[in-house]
C-alpha atoms as a PDB file:
ATOM      1  CA  MET A   1     -17.483  -1.775  16.296  1.00  0.00           C
ATOM      2  CA  GLU A   2     -20.287  -3.376  14.315  1.00  0.00           C
ATOM      3  CA  ILE A   3     -23.584  -1.530  14.140  1.00  0.00           C
ATOM      4  CA  PRO A   4     -26.589  -3.861  13.997  1.00  0.00           C
ATOM      5  CA  TYR A   5     -28.844  -3.646  10.968  1.00  0.00           C
ATOM      6  CA  PRO A   6     -32.104  -2.091  12.166  1.00  0.00           C
ATOM      7  CA  GLY A   7     -34.243  -3.959   9.632  1.00  0.00           C
ATOM      8  CA  PRO A   8     -36.367  -2.563   6.839  1.00  0.00           C
ATOM      9  CA  VAL A   9     -37.446   1.056   6.991  1.00  0.00           C
ATOM     10  CA  THR A  10     -41.179   1.503   7.478  1.00  0.00           C
ATOM     11  CA  HIS A  11     -43.090   4.495   6.218  1.00  0.00           C
ATOM     12  CA  LEU A  12     -46.310   5.970   7.483  1.00  0.00           C
ATOM     13  CA  LEU A  13     -48.850   6.082   4.663  1.00  0.00           C
ATOM     14  CA  ARG A  14     -52.055   8.030   5.100  1.00  0.00           C
ATOM     15  CA  PRO A  15     -54.727   9.827   3.127  1.00  0.00           C
ATOM     16  CA  PRO A  16     -53.872  13.471   2.481  1.00  0.00           C
ATOM     17  CA  GLN A  17     -55.267  16.144   4.760  1.00  0.00           C
ATOM     18  CA  PRO A  18     -56.352  19.594   3.544  1.00  0.00           C
ATOM     19  CA  ALA A  19     -53.232  21.099   5.127  1.00  0.00           C
ATOM     20  CA  ASP A  20     -51.079  18.818   2.907  1.00  0.00           C
ATOM     21  CA  VAL A  21     -52.457  20.116  -0.385  1.00  0.00           C
ATOM     22  CA  PRO A  22     -50.109  23.102  -0.894  1.00  0.00           C
ATOM     23  CA  ALA A  23     -46.996  20.996  -0.189  1.00  0.00           C
ATOM     24  CA  LEU A  24     -48.241  18.152  -2.396  1.00  0.00           C
ATOM     25  CA  LEU A  25     -49.027  20.530  -5.251  1.00  0.00           C
ATOM     26  CA  LYS A  26     -45.530  21.996  -4.934  1.00  0.00           C
ATOM     27  CA  LEU A  27     -44.036  18.482  -4.910  1.00  0.00           C
ATOM     28  CA  ASN A  28     -46.015  17.681  -8.065  1.00  0.00           C
ATOM     29  CA  ASN A  29     -45.084  20.889  -9.858  1.00  0.00           C
ATOM     30  CA  ASP A  30     -41.427  20.610  -8.893  1.00  0.00           C
ATOM     31  CA  HIS A  31     -41.498  17.438 -11.039  1.00  0.00           C
ATOM     32  CA  ALA A  32     -43.632  18.775 -13.887  1.00  0.00           C
ATOM     33  CA  VAL A  33     -41.258  17.357 -16.520  1.00  0.00           C
ATOM     34  CA  GLU A  34     -41.921  13.816 -15.287  1.00  0.00           C
ATOM     35  CA  LEU A  35     -45.554  14.396 -14.311  1.00  0.00           C
ATOM     36  CA  SER A  36     -47.502  17.406 -15.506  1.00  0.00           C
ATOM     37  CA  GLU A  37     -47.893  20.817 -13.967  1.00  0.00           C
ATOM     38  CA  LEU A  38     -51.247  21.388 -12.313  1.00  0.00           C
ATOM     39  CA  THR A  39     -53.032  24.478 -11.055  1.00  0.00           C
ATOM     40  CA  PRO A  40     -54.413  24.365  -7.504  1.00  0.00           C
ATOM     41  CA  ASP A  41     -57.915  23.772  -8.895  1.00  0.00           C
ATOM     42  CA  GLU A  42     -56.749  20.985 -11.240  1.00  0.00           C
ATOM     43  CA  PHE A  43     -54.927  19.323  -8.357  1.00  0.00           C
ATOM     44  CA  ARG A  44     -58.004  19.461  -6.096  1.00  0.00           C
ATOM     45  CA  VAL A  45     -60.126  17.954  -8.881  1.00  0.00           C
ATOM     46  CA  LEU A  46     -57.600  15.142  -9.370  1.00  0.00           C
ATOM     47  CA  LEU A  47     -57.604  14.403  -5.641  1.00  0.00           C
ATOM     48  CA  GLY A  48     -61.411  14.382  -5.721  1.00  0.00           C
ATOM     49  CA  ILE A  49     -61.752  11.884  -8.570  1.00  0.00           C
ATOM     50  CA  ALA A  50     -58.947   9.586  -7.437  1.00  0.00           C
ATOM     51  CA  TRP A  51     -59.660   6.013  -6.441  1.00  0.00           C
ATOM     52  CA  ARG A  52     -56.777   6.098  -3.929  1.00  0.00           C
ATOM     53  CA  VAL A  53     -54.392   8.777  -2.708  1.00  0.00           C
ATOM     54  CA  ARG A  54     -51.662   8.130  -0.186  1.00  0.00           C
ATOM     55  CA  VAL A  55     -49.087  10.463   1.286  1.00  0.00           C
ATOM     56  CA  ALA A  56     -45.893   9.195   2.884  1.00  0.00           C
ATOM     57  CA  ASP A  57     -43.666  10.592   5.577  1.00  0.00           C
ATOM     58  CA  ASP A  58     -45.058  14.082   6.122  1.00  0.00           C
ATOM     59  CA  ALA A  59     -45.813  14.716   2.440  1.00  0.00           C
ATOM     60  CA  ALA A  60     -42.336  13.701   1.243  1.00  0.00           C
ATOM     61  CA  ALA A  61     -43.996  11.441  -1.332  1.00  0.00           C
ATOM     62  CA  MET A  62     -47.417  10.697  -2.777  1.00  0.00           C
ATOM     63  CA  VAL A  63     -49.277   8.394  -5.102  1.00  0.00           C
ATOM     64  CA  ILE A  64     -52.526   9.181  -6.898  1.00  0.00           C
ATOM     65  CA  ALA A  65     -54.338   6.262  -8.512  1.00  0.00           C
ATOM     66  CA  LEU A  66     -57.546   6.066 -10.526  1.00  0.00           C
ATOM     67  CA  ASP A  67     -59.643   3.058 -11.395  1.00  0.00           C
ATOM     68  CA  GLN A  68     -61.783   2.403 -14.443  1.00  0.00           C
ATOM     69  CA  ASP A  69     -64.730   4.210 -12.836  1.00  0.00           C
ATOM     70  CA  SER A  70     -62.859   7.440 -12.086  1.00  0.00           C
ATOM     71  CA  ASP A  71     -64.259  10.507 -13.828  1.00  0.00           C
ATOM     72  CA  SER A  72     -61.156  11.448 -15.808  1.00  0.00           C
ATOM     73  CA  ASP A  73     -60.710  12.406 -19.434  1.00  0.00           C
ATOM     74  CA  GLY A  74     -56.907  12.518 -19.272  1.00  0.00           C
ATOM     75  CA  GLN A  75     -55.212  11.216 -22.408  1.00  0.00           C
ATOM     76  CA  ASN A  76     -53.156   8.523 -20.668  1.00  0.00           C
ATOM     77  CA  PHE A  77     -56.022   7.309 -18.474  1.00  0.00           C
ATOM     78  CA  SER A  78     -58.321   7.237 -21.507  1.00  0.00           C
ATOM     79  CA  TRP A  79     -55.794   5.099 -23.393  1.00  0.00           C
ATOM     80  CA  PHE A  80     -56.144   2.399 -20.733  1.00  0.00           C
ATOM     81  CA  ARG A  81     -59.914   2.841 -20.401  1.00  0.00           C
ATOM     82  CA  ARG A  82     -60.365   2.114 -24.128  1.00  0.00           C
ATOM     83  CA  ARG A  83     -58.469  -1.180 -23.776  1.00  0.00           C
ATOM     84  CA  TYR A  84     -59.290  -2.612 -20.351  1.00  0.00           C
ATOM     85  CA  ASP A  85     -62.571  -3.094 -18.521  1.00  0.00           C
ATOM     86  CA  ARG A  86     -61.215  -3.240 -14.974  1.00  0.00           C
ATOM     87  CA  PHE A  87     -57.930  -1.718 -13.842  1.00  0.00           C
ATOM     88  CA  VAL A  88     -56.135   0.629 -11.492  1.00  0.00           C
ATOM     89  CA  TYR A  89     -54.041   3.360 -13.097  1.00  0.00           C
ATOM     90  CA  VAL A  90     -51.204   5.060 -11.244  1.00  0.00           C
ATOM     91  CA  ASP A  91     -51.701   8.615 -12.433  1.00  0.00           C
ATOM     92  CA  ARG A  92     -48.647   9.884 -10.586  1.00  0.00           C
ATOM     93  CA  VAL A  93     -46.153   8.877  -7.954  1.00  0.00           C
ATOM     94  CA  VAL A  94     -43.519  11.317  -6.782  1.00  0.00           C
ATOM     95  CA  VAL A  95     -40.858  11.296  -4.092  1.00  0.00           C
ATOM     96  CA  SER A  96     -39.037  14.430  -2.963  1.00  0.00           C
ATOM     97  CA  PRO A  97     -35.300  14.451  -3.704  1.00  0.00           C
ATOM     98  CA  ALA A  98     -34.458  14.422   0.019  1.00  0.00           C
ATOM     99  CA  ALA A  99     -36.540  11.272   0.547  1.00  0.00           C
ATOM    100  CA  ARG A 100     -35.295   9.216  -2.415  1.00  0.00           C
ATOM    101  CA  GLY A 101     -33.505   5.921  -1.949  1.00  0.00           C
ATOM    102  CA  LYS A 102     -35.550   4.966   1.106  1.00  0.00           C
ATOM    103  CA  GLY A 103     -38.083   2.695  -0.567  1.00  0.00           C
ATOM    104  CA  LEU A 104     -40.939   5.188  -0.600  1.00  0.00           C
ATOM    105  CA  ALA A 105     -41.971   4.619  -4.223  1.00  0.00           C
ATOM    106  CA  ARG A 106     -42.031   0.858  -3.652  1.00  0.00           C
ATOM    107  CA  THR A 107     -44.030   1.315  -0.440  1.00  0.00           C
ATOM    108  CA  LEU A 108     -46.567   3.519  -2.228  1.00  0.00           C
ATOM    109  CA  TYR A 109     -46.919   1.052  -5.104  1.00  0.00           C
ATOM    110  CA  ASP A 110     -47.257  -1.868  -2.679  1.00  0.00           C
ATOM    111  CA  ASP A 111     -50.087  -0.016  -0.946  1.00  0.00           C
ATOM    112  CA  VAL A 112     -51.901   0.532  -4.251  1.00  0.00           C
ATOM    113  CA  ILE A 113     -51.341  -3.099  -5.269  1.00  0.00           C
ATOM    114  CA  THR A 114     -52.702  -4.401  -1.959  1.00  0.00           C
ATOM    115  CA  ALA A 115     -55.764  -2.139  -2.104  1.00  0.00           C
ATOM    116  CA  ALA A 116     -56.395  -3.001  -5.762  1.00  0.00           C
ATOM    117  CA  GLY A 117     -56.207  -6.720  -5.039  1.00  0.00           C
ATOM    118  CA  ALA A 118     -58.567  -6.355  -2.079  1.00  0.00           C
ATOM    119  CA  GLU A 119     -61.144  -4.787  -4.408  1.00  0.00           C
ATOM    120  CA  GLY A 120     -60.765  -7.468  -7.069  1.00  0.00           C
ATOM    121  CA  HIS A 121     -58.722  -5.519  -9.594  1.00  0.00           C
ATOM    122  CA  THR A 122     -56.413  -7.710 -11.635  1.00  0.00           C
ATOM    123  CA  LEU A 123     -54.432  -5.133 -13.612  1.00  0.00           C
ATOM    124  CA  LEU A 124     -52.216  -2.224 -12.556  1.00  0.00           C
ATOM    125  CA  CYS A 125     -51.429   0.360 -15.243  1.00  0.00           C
ATOM    126  CA  ALA A 126     -48.917   3.188 -15.532  1.00  0.00           C
ATOM    127  CA  GLU A 127     -47.180   5.319 -18.113  1.00  0.00           C
ATOM    128  CA  VAL A 128     -43.569   6.454 -18.198  1.00  0.00           C
ATOM    129  CA  ASN A 129     -42.059   9.219 -20.290  1.00  0.00           C
ATOM    130  CA  LEU A 130     -40.160   8.063 -23.331  1.00  0.00           C
ATOM    131  CA  GLU A 131     -39.391  11.659 -24.363  1.00  0.00           C
ATOM    132  CA  PRO A 132     -38.171  13.323 -22.263  1.00  0.00           C
ATOM    133  CA  PRO A 133     -36.668  10.108 -20.889  1.00  0.00           C
ATOM    134  CA  ASN A 134     -37.103   8.992 -17.297  1.00  0.00           C
ATOM    135  CA  PRO A 135     -34.556   6.173 -16.804  1.00  0.00           C
ATOM    136  CA  ALA A 136     -35.140   5.932 -13.046  1.00  0.00           C
ATOM    137  CA  SER A 137     -38.838   5.276 -13.614  1.00  0.00           C
ATOM    138  CA  ASP A 138     -38.049   2.811 -16.412  1.00  0.00           C
ATOM    139  CA  ALA A 139     -35.826   0.807 -14.057  1.00  0.00           C
ATOM    140  CA  PHE A 140     -38.338   0.993 -11.217  1.00  0.00           C
ATOM    141  CA  HIS A 141     -41.260  -0.265 -13.318  1.00  0.00           C
ATOM    142  CA  ALA A 142     -39.145  -3.065 -14.793  1.00  0.00           C
ATOM    143  CA  ALA A 143     -38.156  -4.164 -11.283  1.00  0.00           C
ATOM    144  CA  MET A 144     -41.827  -4.080 -10.254  1.00  0.00           C
ATOM    145  CA  GLY A 145     -42.772  -6.511 -13.027  1.00  0.00           C
ATOM    146  CA  PHE A 146     -44.475  -4.156 -15.483  1.00  0.00           C
ATOM    147  CA  ALA A 147     -44.560  -4.924 -19.219  1.00  0.00           C
ATOM    148  CA  GLU A 148     -44.884  -2.382 -22.021  1.00  0.00           C
ATOM    149  CA  VAL A 149     -48.189  -2.588 -23.908  1.00  0.00           C
ATOM    150  CA  GLY A 150     -48.143   0.571 -26.025  1.00  0.00           C
ATOM    151  CA  ARG A 151     -46.824   4.049 -26.802  1.00  0.00           C
ATOM    152  CA  SER A 152     -48.296   7.440 -27.544  1.00  0.00           C
ATOM    153  CA  GLU A 153     -47.239  10.972 -28.446  1.00  0.00           C
ATOM    154  CA  LEU A 154     -48.637  13.812 -26.351  1.00  0.00           C
ATOM    155  CA  ASP A 155     -48.654  17.608 -26.244  1.00  0.00           C
ATOM    156  CA  GLY A 156     -48.297  18.154 -29.967  1.00  0.00           C
ATOM    157  CA  HIS A 157     -45.588  15.482 -30.210  1.00  0.00           C
ATOM    158  CA  GLU A 158     -43.327  17.265 -27.692  1.00  0.00           C
ATOM    159  CA  LYS A 159     -43.721  14.390 -25.262  1.00  0.00           C
ATOM    160  CA  SER A 160     -44.081  10.660 -25.776  1.00  0.00           C
ATOM    161  CA  VAL A 161     -44.897   7.944 -23.271  1.00  0.00           C
ATOM    162  CA  ARG A 162     -44.798   4.190 -22.920  1.00  0.00           C
ATOM    163  CA  TYR A 163     -47.775   2.400 -21.394  1.00  0.00           C
ATOM    164  CA  PHE A 164     -47.176  -0.408 -18.919  1.00  0.00           C
ATOM    165  CA  VAL A 165     -49.320  -3.013 -17.185  1.00  0.00           C
ATOM    166  CA  ARG A 166     -48.724  -5.468 -14.411  1.00  0.00           C
ATOM    167  CA  GLU A 167     -51.079  -8.321 -13.714  1.00  0.00           C
ATOM    168  CA  LEU A 168     -52.187  -8.628 -10.119  1.00  0.00           C
ATOM    169  CA  GLY A 169     -52.724 -12.065  -8.685  1.00  0.00           C
ATOM    170  CA  ALA A 170     -52.676 -14.068  -5.510  1.00  0.00           C
ATOM    171  CA  ASP A 171     -48.912 -13.677  -5.196  1.00  0.00           C
ATOM    172  CA  THR A 172     -48.837  -9.850  -5.252  1.00  0.00           C
ATOM    173  CA  PRO A 173     -47.223  -7.576  -4.120  1.00  0.00           C
END
């Protein structure tokens, strides 16, 4: 018996609610190697300064993006701010292990790209760990059309990152 293909999976994206914050902080901190560990206060501040935050599928995934006007002094964000006048920076995107392989990261990025384009942004920026390596993120960003534009060492040289940009135009996402 042949089972019909149901079509693409759709995900509900929404702004986070206060009740989501503990689960989102746990999701972030469970992936501190790829992201960075945050205290509850640091996480609330990040949510407050973000240009766009979206949560997917009952907090199974999230994206936090800043733009050039966000009040952040983070090292990676500052690297882009020194080089570009107008941009959106994906500070972090994370998908829970149980929700991986369902297109959530792509859906979150597409949402940021659409919103950025609607506000006239022409550049999307991100960084990916070089050390420790993050091959899944490397492959994802390559598939999304990002190009490397720089590198930096962080945390007393214990961590290094690659900086990526993707131009946004009429044909995005």
